[in-house]
Amino acid sequence: MALILGIETATEVCSVAIIKDGICLAEHNNLDGNAHASQLHAMVQNLMQENGFGLNQLNAIAVSIGPGSYTGLRVGVSAAKGFAFALNIPIIGITSLKSLANRFLVQTEKKEGLLVPMIDARRMEVYSAVYDINLTELEPIHAKILEENSFADLANKSPLYLFGNGASKCVQFLNHPNINILPNFHCGAAGLASLAEQAFQKSDFLNLAYFEPLYLKDFVGTTPKNKKQN
């Protein structure tokens, strides 16, 4: 039984949720894409005030740890660490893909099929994993280059649900009758809810000082177009 603040910043969505006893009481989302650093703390403050809670009532912080956007993850994890340290409460880490799959299950109430959450990893690559409807991991988290026959073996055996901001890449060339693509279903902190409560009950906490986001790939910076080379 816990009151937990959920933070999800792995994609273009900046999302926070207040979670009580494994149930999401409220979720605030900002889909602007560049709001993480500037809006996250204000979103948390507004969320807590609107729902009649103070930060000192929290029992833990739950944060999406990746994979996903390098910058987004860094902002979310840094904020989670800051809250946990200041409030002297534990921090819970949930992978972005499992959180996304959990959110999908809660909102759609699917009873069969396999879940394939996808987060954009640039070009024709996505971060992905495969779960059954009990959230048992059938294929581990990995960076996957999408091809015409991607997921064909799985689709021959079961309905597949592809969702998340990486799923839009599949619309043009995956036409298997068992493949269902939902590109507009996005990450949100509500997906952390039941997973965070389970972790809290098991005291499955991260090391506040040493844990890092699950980036999967090294950060690759770009040079602004208007910057002249020497």
Protein backbone atom coordinates (compact mmCIF):
# COMPACT_ATOMS: atom_id res chain seq x y z
CA MET A 1 0.00 0.00 0.00
CA ALA A 2 1.86 3.05 -1.22
CA LEU A 3 1.53 6.52 -2.67
CA ILE A 4 3.93 6.77 -5.59
CA LEU A 5 4.80 9.51 -8.05
CA GLY A 6 5.31 8.18 -11.59
CA ILE A 7 7.55 9.91 -14.13
CA GLU A 8 7.67 8.96 -17.82
CA THR A 9 9.95 10.91 -20.20
CA ALA A 10 11.36 8.22 -22.51
CA THR A 11 9.75 9.66 -25.64
CA GLU A 12 8.39 13.01 -26.86
CA VAL A 13 5.69 12.69 -24.19
CA CYS A 14 6.38 14.22 -20.79
CA SER A 15 4.06 12.45 -18.36
CA VAL A 16 3.52 12.27 -14.60
CA ALA A 17 1.03 10.27 -12.56
CA ILE A 18 -0.04 9.90 -8.97
CA ILE A 19 -0.38 6.23 -8.04
CA LYS A 20 -2.09 4.89 -4.94
CA ASP A 21 -2.04 1.20 -4.09
CA GLY A 22 -1.22 0.33 -7.69
CA ILE A 23 -4.02 2.42 -9.21
CA CYS A 24 -3.39 5.55 -11.25
CA LEU A 25 -5.46 8.32 -9.66
CA ALA A 26 -4.49 10.97 -12.22
CA GLU A 27 -2.11 11.43 -15.12
CA HIS A 28 -0.87 14.64 -16.75
CA ASN A 29 0.65 14.46 -20.24
CA ASN A 30 2.44 17.05 -22.34
CA LEU A 31 2.91 15.96 -25.97
CA ASP A 32 4.78 19.05 -27.15
CA GLY A 33 8.02 17.13 -27.55
CA ASN A 34 10.42 19.63 -26.01
CA ALA A 35 8.78 20.21 -22.64
CA HIS A 36 10.64 17.74 -20.45
CA ALA A 37 13.23 20.00 -18.84
CA SER A 38 11.07 23.11 -18.65
CA GLN A 39 7.72 21.59 -17.64
CA LEU A 40 8.34 18.43 -15.61
CA HIS A 41 8.61 19.96 -12.14
CA ALA A 42 5.63 22.26 -12.73
CA MET A 43 3.59 19.29 -13.94
CA VAL A 44 4.44 17.37 -10.76
CA GLN A 45 3.49 20.33 -8.56
CA ASN A 46 0.17 20.84 -10.37
CA LEU A 47 -0.65 17.12 -10.29
CA MET A 48 -0.07 16.85 -6.55
CA GLN A 49 -2.00 20.02 -5.72
CA GLU A 50 -4.98 19.14 -7.90
CA ASN A 51 -5.30 15.76 -6.20
CA GLY A 52 -4.85 17.01 -2.66
CA PHE A 53 -1.46 15.48 -1.91
CA GLY A 54 1.82 16.90 -0.70
CA LEU A 55 5.22 15.62 -1.77
CA ASN A 56 5.95 14.65 1.84
CA GLN A 57 3.15 12.06 1.62
CA LEU A 58 4.92 10.07 -1.10
CA ASN A 59 6.33 6.65 -0.29
CA ALA A 60 8.39 6.23 -3.45
CA ILE A 61 9.21 7.59 -6.90
CA ALA A 62 8.73 5.39 -9.97
CA VAL A 63 10.51 6.33 -13.18
CA SER A 64 10.68 4.94 -16.69
CA ILE A 65 14.35 4.05 -17.16
CA GLY A 66 14.47 3.43 -20.91
CA PRO A 67 15.20 2.68 -23.60
CA GLY A 68 14.18 5.84 -25.38
CA SER A 69 15.27 9.40 -25.97
CA TYR A 70 18.68 10.08 -24.45
CA THR A 71 17.73 13.61 -23.40
CA GLY A 72 14.26 12.65 -22.18
CA LEU A 73 15.57 9.80 -20.05
CA ARG A 74 18.29 11.97 -18.57
CA VAL A 75 15.74 14.62 -17.54
CA GLY A 76 13.29 12.12 -16.06
CA VAL A 77 15.87 10.11 -14.16
CA SER A 78 17.57 13.23 -12.82
CA ALA A 79 14.24 14.56 -11.56
CA ALA A 80 13.34 11.22 -9.99
CA LYS A 81 16.69 11.08 -8.21
CA GLY A 82 16.23 14.64 -6.98
CA PHE A 83 12.79 13.94 -5.52
CA ALA A 84 13.90 10.66 -3.95
CA PHE A 85 16.96 12.23 -2.37
CA ALA A 86 15.15 15.30 -1.05
CA LEU A 87 12.27 13.26 0.38
CA ASN A 88 14.46 10.37 1.58
CA ILE A 89 12.28 7.79 -0.17
CA PRO A 90 13.19 4.90 -2.51
CA ILE A 91 13.20 4.97 -6.28
CA ILE A 92 11.67 2.30 -8.52
CA GLY A 93 12.78 1.73 -12.11
CA ILE A 94 10.51 0.26 -14.78
CA THR A 95 11.61 -0.23 -18.38
CA SER A 96 9.84 2.05 -20.84
CA LEU A 97 8.63 -0.81 -23.02
CA LYS A 98 7.11 -2.81 -20.17
CA SER A 99 5.41 0.32 -18.87
CA LEU A 100 4.04 1.03 -22.35
CA ALA A 101 2.79 -2.56 -22.68
CA ASN A 102 1.13 -2.35 -19.25
CA ARG A 103 -0.60 0.90 -20.18
CA PHE A 104 -1.85 -0.73 -23.38
CA LEU A 105 -3.25 -3.71 -21.49
CA VAL A 106 -5.04 -1.56 -18.93
CA GLN A 107 -6.64 0.70 -21.54
CA THR A 108 -7.58 -1.94 -24.12
CA GLU A 109 -8.32 -4.92 -21.85
CA LYS A 110 -6.95 -7.35 -24.44
CA LYS A 111 -7.42 -11.00 -23.50
CA GLU A 112 -5.28 -12.64 -26.18
CA GLY A 113 -2.41 -12.00 -28.52
CA LEU A 114 1.14 -10.72 -28.12
CA LEU A 115 2.20 -7.19 -27.30
CA VAL A 116 5.01 -5.48 -29.23
CA PRO A 117 5.66 -2.01 -27.77
CA MET A 118 7.93 0.12 -29.96
CA ILE A 119 9.89 3.29 -29.27
CA ASP A 120 11.47 5.22 -32.11
CA ALA A 121 15.24 4.79 -32.40
CA ARG A 122 15.68 6.86 -35.62
CA ARG A 123 15.68 5.77 -39.26
CA MET A 124 14.08 2.32 -39.62
CA GLU A 125 15.13 1.19 -36.16
CA VAL A 126 13.04 0.83 -33.02
CA TYR A 127 13.53 -0.25 -29.45
CA SER A 128 11.23 -3.18 -28.97
CA ALA A 129 10.34 -6.28 -26.96
CA VAL A 130 7.59 -8.90 -27.05
CA TYR A 131 5.28 -9.67 -24.12
CA ASP A 132 2.30 -11.93 -23.63
CA ILE A 133 -0.87 -10.61 -22.00
CA ASN A 134 0.54 -11.46 -18.56
CA LEU A 135 3.53 -9.22 -19.35
CA THR A 136 5.86 -12.19 -19.45
CA GLU A 137 8.82 -11.18 -21.61
CA LEU A 138 9.03 -13.45 -24.67
CA GLU A 139 11.67 -11.43 -26.52
CA PRO A 140 14.05 -9.21 -24.54
CA ILE A 141 14.44 -5.49 -25.06
CA HIS A 142 16.62 -4.78 -28.09
CA ALA A 143 17.20 -2.35 -30.93
CA LYS A 144 15.52 -3.78 -34.04
CA ILE A 145 15.85 -2.74 -37.67
CA LEU A 146 12.43 -3.09 -39.29
CA GLU A 147 12.14 -5.15 -42.47
CA GLU A 148 9.31 -6.44 -44.63
CA ASN A 149 9.21 -9.80 -42.84
CA SER A 150 9.62 -8.45 -39.33
CA PHE A 151 7.44 -10.36 -36.83
CA ALA A 152 6.13 -12.74 -39.52
CA ASP A 153 6.98 -15.85 -37.48
CA LEU A 154 5.11 -14.54 -34.46
CA ALA A 155 2.17 -13.30 -36.53
CA ASN A 156 1.73 -16.74 -38.08
CA LYS A 157 0.95 -18.08 -34.60
CA SER A 158 -0.88 -15.29 -32.82
CA PRO A 159 -2.41 -11.83 -33.21
CA LEU A 160 0.20 -9.11 -32.65
CA TYR A 161 -0.38 -5.59 -31.39
CA LEU A 162 2.30 -3.07 -32.39
CA PHE A 163 2.04 0.27 -30.59
CA GLY A 164 4.10 3.24 -29.47
CA ASN A 165 5.77 6.03 -31.43
CA GLY A 166 7.92 3.53 -33.34
CA ALA A 167 4.94 1.62 -34.70
CA SER A 168 4.17 4.23 -37.37
CA LYS A 169 7.23 3.00 -39.26
CA CYS A 170 5.47 -0.33 -39.82
CA VAL A 171 2.31 1.01 -41.45
CA GLN A 172 3.66 1.10 -45.01
CA PHE A 173 5.06 -2.40 -45.28
CA LEU A 174 3.73 -4.79 -42.62
CA ASN A 175 0.49 -6.18 -44.04
CA HIS A 176 0.10 -9.51 -42.27
CA PRO A 177 -3.56 -10.08 -41.28
CA ASN A 178 -2.55 -10.87 -37.69
CA ILE A 179 -0.55 -7.67 -37.26
CA ASN A 180 -2.46 -4.77 -35.72
CA ILE A 181 -0.66 -1.42 -35.74
CA LEU A 182 -1.61 1.37 -33.32
CA PRO A 183 0.94 4.15 -33.88
CA ASN A 184 -0.94 6.79 -31.89
CA PHE A 185 -0.87 4.89 -28.61
CA HIS A 186 1.87 6.64 -26.66
CA CYS A 187 3.84 6.26 -23.44
CA GLY A 188 2.34 7.62 -20.24
CA ALA A 189 3.17 7.49 -16.55
CA ALA A 190 -0.05 5.57 -15.82
CA GLY A 191 1.68 2.54 -17.31
CA LEU A 192 3.97 2.48 -14.28
CA ALA A 193 1.12 2.08 -11.78
CA SER A 194 0.65 -1.62 -11.03
CA LEU A 195 4.28 -2.42 -11.87
CA ALA A 196 5.51 0.19 -9.39
CA GLU A 197 3.26 -1.15 -6.63
CA GLN A 198 4.51 -4.68 -7.21
CA ALA A 199 8.11 -3.49 -7.01
CA PHE A 200 7.36 -1.49 -3.86
CA GLN A 201 5.88 -4.51 -2.11
CA LYS A 202 9.02 -6.51 -2.95
CA SER A 203 11.32 -3.62 -1.91
CA ASP A 204 12.74 -3.81 -5.42
CA PHE A 205 14.45 -0.43 -5.38
CA LEU A 206 17.28 1.10 -7.40
CA ASN A 207 20.56 2.34 -5.99
CA LEU A 208 19.94 6.06 -5.90
CA ALA A 209 23.57 7.02 -6.30
CA TYR A 210 24.67 4.66 -9.04
CA PHE A 211 21.86 3.59 -11.36
CA GLU A 212 21.76 4.96 -14.91
CA PRO A 213 19.06 4.91 -17.59
CA LEU A 214 18.90 2.01 -20.04
CA TYR A 215 20.11 3.83 -23.15
CA LEU A 216 20.90 0.69 -25.26
CA LYS A 217 22.84 2.84 -27.72
CA ASP A 218 25.44 5.53 -27.27
CA PHE A 219 24.33 9.12 -27.61
CA VAL A 220 25.11 10.60 -31.02
CA GLY A 221 25.07 14.38 -31.13
CA THR A 222 24.49 16.46 -34.22
CA THR A 223 26.13 19.66 -35.37
CA PRO A 224 23.73 22.58 -35.90
CA LYS A 225 23.36 23.41 -39.59
CA ASN A 226 24.25 27.04 -39.05
CA LYS A 227 27.46 26.27 -37.20
CA LYS A 228 30.49 26.81 -39.43
CA GLN A 229 33.32 24.32 -39.39
CA ASN A 230 36.85 25.60 -38.87
